[in-house]
Structure formats: structure tokens, C-alpha cells
Amino acid sequence: MQRQRLTRISAWLAACAVLLGVFALYTQPDFLVVLANQVWACF
């Protein structure tokens, strides 16, 4: 029971860390320009 709870909390913390990292990248305008150029290059 305790191990399952620890696993669930760890998974939530990992998901939140990933989301915060993605949000931090989107606050940088240079990153958005590079991302837009890469997406546009696919077409």
C-alpha cells in the first residue's frame, strides 16, 4: 500500500516537472522561432 502511494506521488511529480520544463521553453521567444522554423520546414 505504501509503495503504491509512493509510486503514484513520484509519477505526479515527474509529470509536473515535465510540464514546467515545457512551459519554461515556451516563455523564450528564440525557442518559439526555432520551433516554428522546424515545423515550417516539414512542409
PDB file of N, CA and C in Angstrom:
ATOM      1  N   MET A   1       0.830  -1.192   0.000  1.00  0.00           N
ATOM      2  CA  MET A   1       0.000   0.000   0.000  1.00  0.00           C
ATOM      3  C   MET A   1       0.875   1.257   0.000  1.00  0.00           C
ATOM      4  N   GLN A   2       1.865   1.275   0.855  1.00  0.00           N
ATOM      5  CA  GLN A   2       2.755   2.432   0.955  1.00  0.00           C
ATOM      6  C   GLN A   2       3.578   2.600  -0.326  1.00  0.00           C
ATOM      7  N   ARG A   3       4.024   1.490  -0.901  1.00  0.00           N
ATOM      8  CA  ARG A   3       4.833   1.547  -2.117  1.00  0.00           C
ATOM      9  C   ARG A   3       4.006   2.070  -3.290  1.00  0.00           C
ATOM     10  N   GLN A   4       2.754   1.665  -3.380  1.00  0.00           N
ATOM     11  CA  GLN A   4       1.879   2.128  -4.456  1.00  0.00           C
ATOM     12  C   GLN A   4       1.637   3.635  -4.339  1.00  0.00           C
ATOM     13  N   ARG A   5       1.469   4.107  -3.131  1.00  0.00           N
ATOM     14  CA  ARG A   5       1.258   5.541  -2.908  1.00  0.00           C
ATOM     15  C   ARG A   5       2.510   6.334  -3.282  1.00  0.00           C
ATOM     16  N   LEU A   6       3.673   5.828  -2.931  1.00  0.00           N
ATOM     17  CA  LEU A   6       4.929   6.489  -3.265  1.00  0.00           C
ATOM     18  C   LEU A   6       5.139   6.523  -4.776  1.00  0.00           C
ATOM     19  N   THR A   7       4.790   5.445  -5.452  1.00  0.00           N
ATOM     20  CA  THR A   7       4.911   5.395  -6.909  1.00  0.00           C
ATOM     21  C   THR A   7       3.983   6.413  -7.559  1.00  0.00           C
ATOM     22  N   ARG A   8       2.766   6.523  -7.077  1.00  0.00           N
ATOM     23  CA  ARG A   8       1.800   7.467  -7.638  1.00  0.00           C
ATOM     24  C   ARG A   8       2.266   8.911  -7.419  1.00  0.00           C
ATOM     25  N   ILE A   9       2.769   9.220  -6.241  1.00  0.00           N
ATOM     26  CA  ILE A   9       3.268  10.565  -5.959  1.00  0.00           C
ATOM     27  C   ILE A   9       4.477  10.877  -6.832  1.00  0.00           C
ATOM     28  N   SER A  10       5.352   9.920  -7.010  1.00  0.00           N
ATOM     29  CA  SER A  10       6.524  10.119  -7.866  1.00  0.00           C
ATOM     30  C   SER A  10       6.120  10.373  -9.314  1.00  0.00           C
ATOM     31  N   ALA A  11       5.126   9.669  -9.790  1.00  0.00           N
ATOM     32  CA  ALA A  11       4.653   9.859 -11.161  1.00  0.00           C
ATOM     33  C   ALA A  11       4.060  11.255 -11.334  1.00  0.00           C
ATOM     34  N   TRP A  12       3.283  11.718 -10.372  1.00  0.00           N
ATOM     35  CA  TRP A  12       2.715  13.065 -10.443  1.00  0.00           C
ATOM     36  C   TRP A  12       3.808  14.128 -10.408  1.00  0.00           C
ATOM     37  N   LEU A  13       4.800  13.939  -9.573  1.00  0.00           N
ATOM     38  CA  LEU A  13       5.900  14.903  -9.502  1.00  0.00           C
ATOM     39  C   LEU A  13       6.694  14.944 -10.808  1.00  0.00           C
ATOM     40  N   ALA A  14       6.916  13.785 -11.404  1.00  0.00           N
ATOM     41  CA  ALA A  14       7.632  13.736 -12.676  1.00  0.00           C
ATOM     42  C   ALA A  14       6.823  14.423 -13.774  1.00  0.00           C
ATOM     43  N   ALA A  15       5.522  14.199 -13.808  1.00  0.00           N
ATOM     44  CA  ALA A  15       4.668  14.832 -14.815  1.00  0.00           C
ATOM     45  C   ALA A  15       4.659  16.350 -14.636  1.00  0.00           C
ATOM     46  N   CYS A  16       4.593  16.810 -13.413  1.00  0.00           N
ATOM     47  CA  CYS A  16       4.616  18.257 -13.150  1.00  0.00           C
ATOM     48  C   CYS A  16       5.952  18.870 -13.548  1.00  0.00           C
ATOM     49  N   ALA A  17       7.045  18.166 -13.305  1.00  0.00           N
ATOM     50  CA  ALA A  17       8.364  18.668 -13.689  1.00  0.00           C
ATOM     51  C   ALA A  17       8.479  18.788 -15.202  1.00  0.00           C
ATOM     52  N   VAL A  18       7.954  17.819 -15.930  1.00  0.00           N
ATOM     53  CA  VAL A  18       7.986  17.876 -17.401  1.00  0.00           C
ATOM     54  C   VAL A  18       7.154  19.045 -17.897  1.00  0.00           C
ATOM     55  N   LEU A  19       5.974  19.230 -17.340  1.00  0.00           N
ATOM     56  CA  LEU A  19       5.116  20.337 -17.764  1.00  0.00           C
ATOM     57  C   LEU A  19       5.742  21.690 -17.463  1.00  0.00           C
ATOM     58  N   LEU A  20       6.387  21.827 -16.326  1.00  0.00           N
ATOM     59  CA  LEU A  20       7.067  23.079 -16.003  1.00  0.00           C
ATOM     60  C   LEU A  20       8.237  23.335 -16.945  1.00  0.00           C
ATOM     61  N   GLY A  21       8.938  22.282 -17.317  1.00  0.00           N
ATOM     62  CA  GLY A  21      10.044  22.433 -18.265  1.00  0.00           C
ATOM     63  C   GLY A  21       9.560  22.885 -19.626  1.00  0.00           C
ATOM     64  N   VAL A  22       8.456  22.319 -20.092  1.00  0.00           N
ATOM     65  CA  VAL A  22       7.891  22.730 -21.383  1.00  0.00           C
ATOM     66  C   VAL A  22       7.411  24.172 -21.305  1.00  0.00           C
ATOM     67  N   PHE A  23       6.779  24.541 -20.222  1.00  0.00           N
ATOM     68  CA  PHE A  23       6.331  25.921 -20.057  1.00  0.00           C
ATOM     69  C   PHE A  23       7.513  26.883 -20.058  1.00  0.00           C
ATOM     70  N   ALA A  24       8.602  26.517 -19.422  1.00  0.00           N
ATOM     71  CA  ALA A  24       9.790  27.373 -19.399  1.00  0.00           C
ATOM     72  C   ALA A  24      10.351  27.559 -20.802  1.00  0.00           C
ATOM     73  N   LEU A  25      10.308  26.528 -21.639  1.00  0.00           N
ATOM     74  CA  LEU A  25      10.790  26.667 -23.011  1.00  0.00           C
ATOM     75  C   LEU A  25       9.892  27.602 -23.818  1.00  0.00           C
ATOM     76  N   TYR A  26       8.599  27.547 -23.600  1.00  0.00           N
ATOM     77  CA  TYR A  26       7.679  28.381 -24.367  1.00  0.00           C
ATOM     78  C   TYR A  26       7.746  29.849 -23.966  1.00  0.00           C
ATOM     79  N   THR A  27       8.357  30.180 -22.851  1.00  0.00           N
ATOM     80  CA  THR A  27       8.494  31.581 -22.457  1.00  0.00           C
ATOM     81  C   THR A  27       9.706  32.234 -23.111  1.00  0.00           C
ATOM     82  N   GLN A  28      10.483  31.464 -23.860  1.00  0.00           N
ATOM     83  CA  GLN A  28      11.651  32.002 -24.549  1.00  0.00           C
ATOM     84  C   GLN A  28      11.299  32.220 -26.024  1.00  0.00           C
ATOM     85  N   PRO A  29      11.279  33.471 -26.473  1.00  0.00           N
ATOM     86  CA  PRO A  29      10.884  33.754 -27.855  1.00  0.00           C
ATOM     87  C   PRO A  29      11.798  33.093 -28.888  1.00  0.00           C
ATOM     88  N   ASP A  30      13.089  33.007 -28.612  1.00  0.00           N
ATOM     89  CA  ASP A  30      14.009  32.379 -29.568  1.00  0.00           C
ATOM     90  C   ASP A  30      13.649  30.920 -29.808  1.00  0.00           C
ATOM     91  N   PHE A  31      13.267  30.238 -28.767  1.00  0.00           N
ATOM     92  CA  PHE A  31      12.873  28.839 -28.902  1.00  0.00           C
ATOM     93  C   PHE A  31      11.637  28.715 -29.794  1.00  0.00           C
ATOM     94  N   LEU A  32      10.683  29.628 -29.613  1.00  0.00           N
ATOM     95  CA  LEU A  32       9.469  29.566 -30.422  1.00  0.00           C
ATOM     96  C   LEU A  32       9.773  29.801 -31.900  1.00  0.00           C
ATOM     97  N   VAL A  33      10.711  30.694 -32.192  1.00  0.00           N
ATOM     98  CA  VAL A  33      11.071  30.950 -33.585  1.00  0.00           C
ATOM     99  C   VAL A  33      11.729  29.713 -34.188  1.00  0.00           C
ATOM    100  N   VAL A  34      12.640  29.091 -33.461  1.00  0.00           N
ATOM    101  CA  VAL A  34      13.302  27.885 -33.953  1.00  0.00           C
ATOM    102  C   VAL A  34      12.277  26.769 -34.155  1.00  0.00           C
ATOM    103  N   LEU A  35      11.377  26.606 -33.216  1.00  0.00           N
ATOM    104  CA  LEU A  35      10.348  25.574 -33.334  1.00  0.00           C
ATOM    105  C   LEU A  35       9.453  25.824 -34.539  1.00  0.00           C
ATOM    106  N   ALA A  36       9.039  27.077 -34.744  1.00  0.00           N
ATOM    107  CA  ALA A  36       8.198  27.407 -35.895  1.00  0.00           C
ATOM    108  C   ALA A  36       8.943  27.141 -37.201  1.00  0.00           C
ATOM    109  N   ASN A  37      10.221  27.470 -37.257  1.00  0.00           N
ATOM    110  CA  ASN A  37      11.007  27.216 -38.469  1.00  0.00           C
ATOM    111  C   ASN A  37      11.134  25.718 -38.751  1.00  0.00           C
ATOM    112  N   GLN A  38      11.296  24.917 -37.711  1.00  0.00           N
ATOM    113  CA  GLN A  38      11.408  23.482 -37.904  1.00  0.00           C
ATOM    114  C   GLN A  38      10.091  22.877 -38.375  1.00  0.00           C
ATOM    115  N   VAL A  39       8.994  23.343 -37.821  1.00  0.00           N
ATOM    116  CA  VAL A  39       7.688  22.841 -38.248  1.00  0.00           C
ATOM    117  C   VAL A  39       7.420  23.261 -39.685  1.00  0.00           C
ATOM    118  N   TRP A  40       7.737  24.518 -40.017  1.00  0.00           N
ATOM    119  CA  TRP A  40       7.501  25.013 -41.368  1.00  0.00           C
ATOM    120  C   TRP A  40       8.368  24.269 -42.383  1.00  0.00           C
ATOM    121  N   ALA A  41       9.579  23.852 -41.987  1.00  0.00           N
ATOM    122  CA  ALA A  41      10.470  23.138 -42.892  1.00  0.00           C
ATOM    123  C   ALA A  41       9.915  21.751 -43.270  1.00  0.00           C
ATOM    124  N   CYS A  42       9.020  21.227 -42.478  1.00  0.00           N
ATOM    125  CA  CYS A  42       8.433  19.922 -42.786  1.00  0.00           C
ATOM    126  C   CYS A  42       7.507  19.987 -43.987  1.00  0.00           C
ATOM    127  N   PHE A  43       6.998  21.170 -44.307  1.00  0.00           N
ATOM    128  CA  PHE A  43       6.070  21.320 -45.423  1.00  0.00           C
ATOM    129  C   PHE A  43       6.843  21.866 -46.575  1.00  0.00           C
TER     130      PHE A  43
END
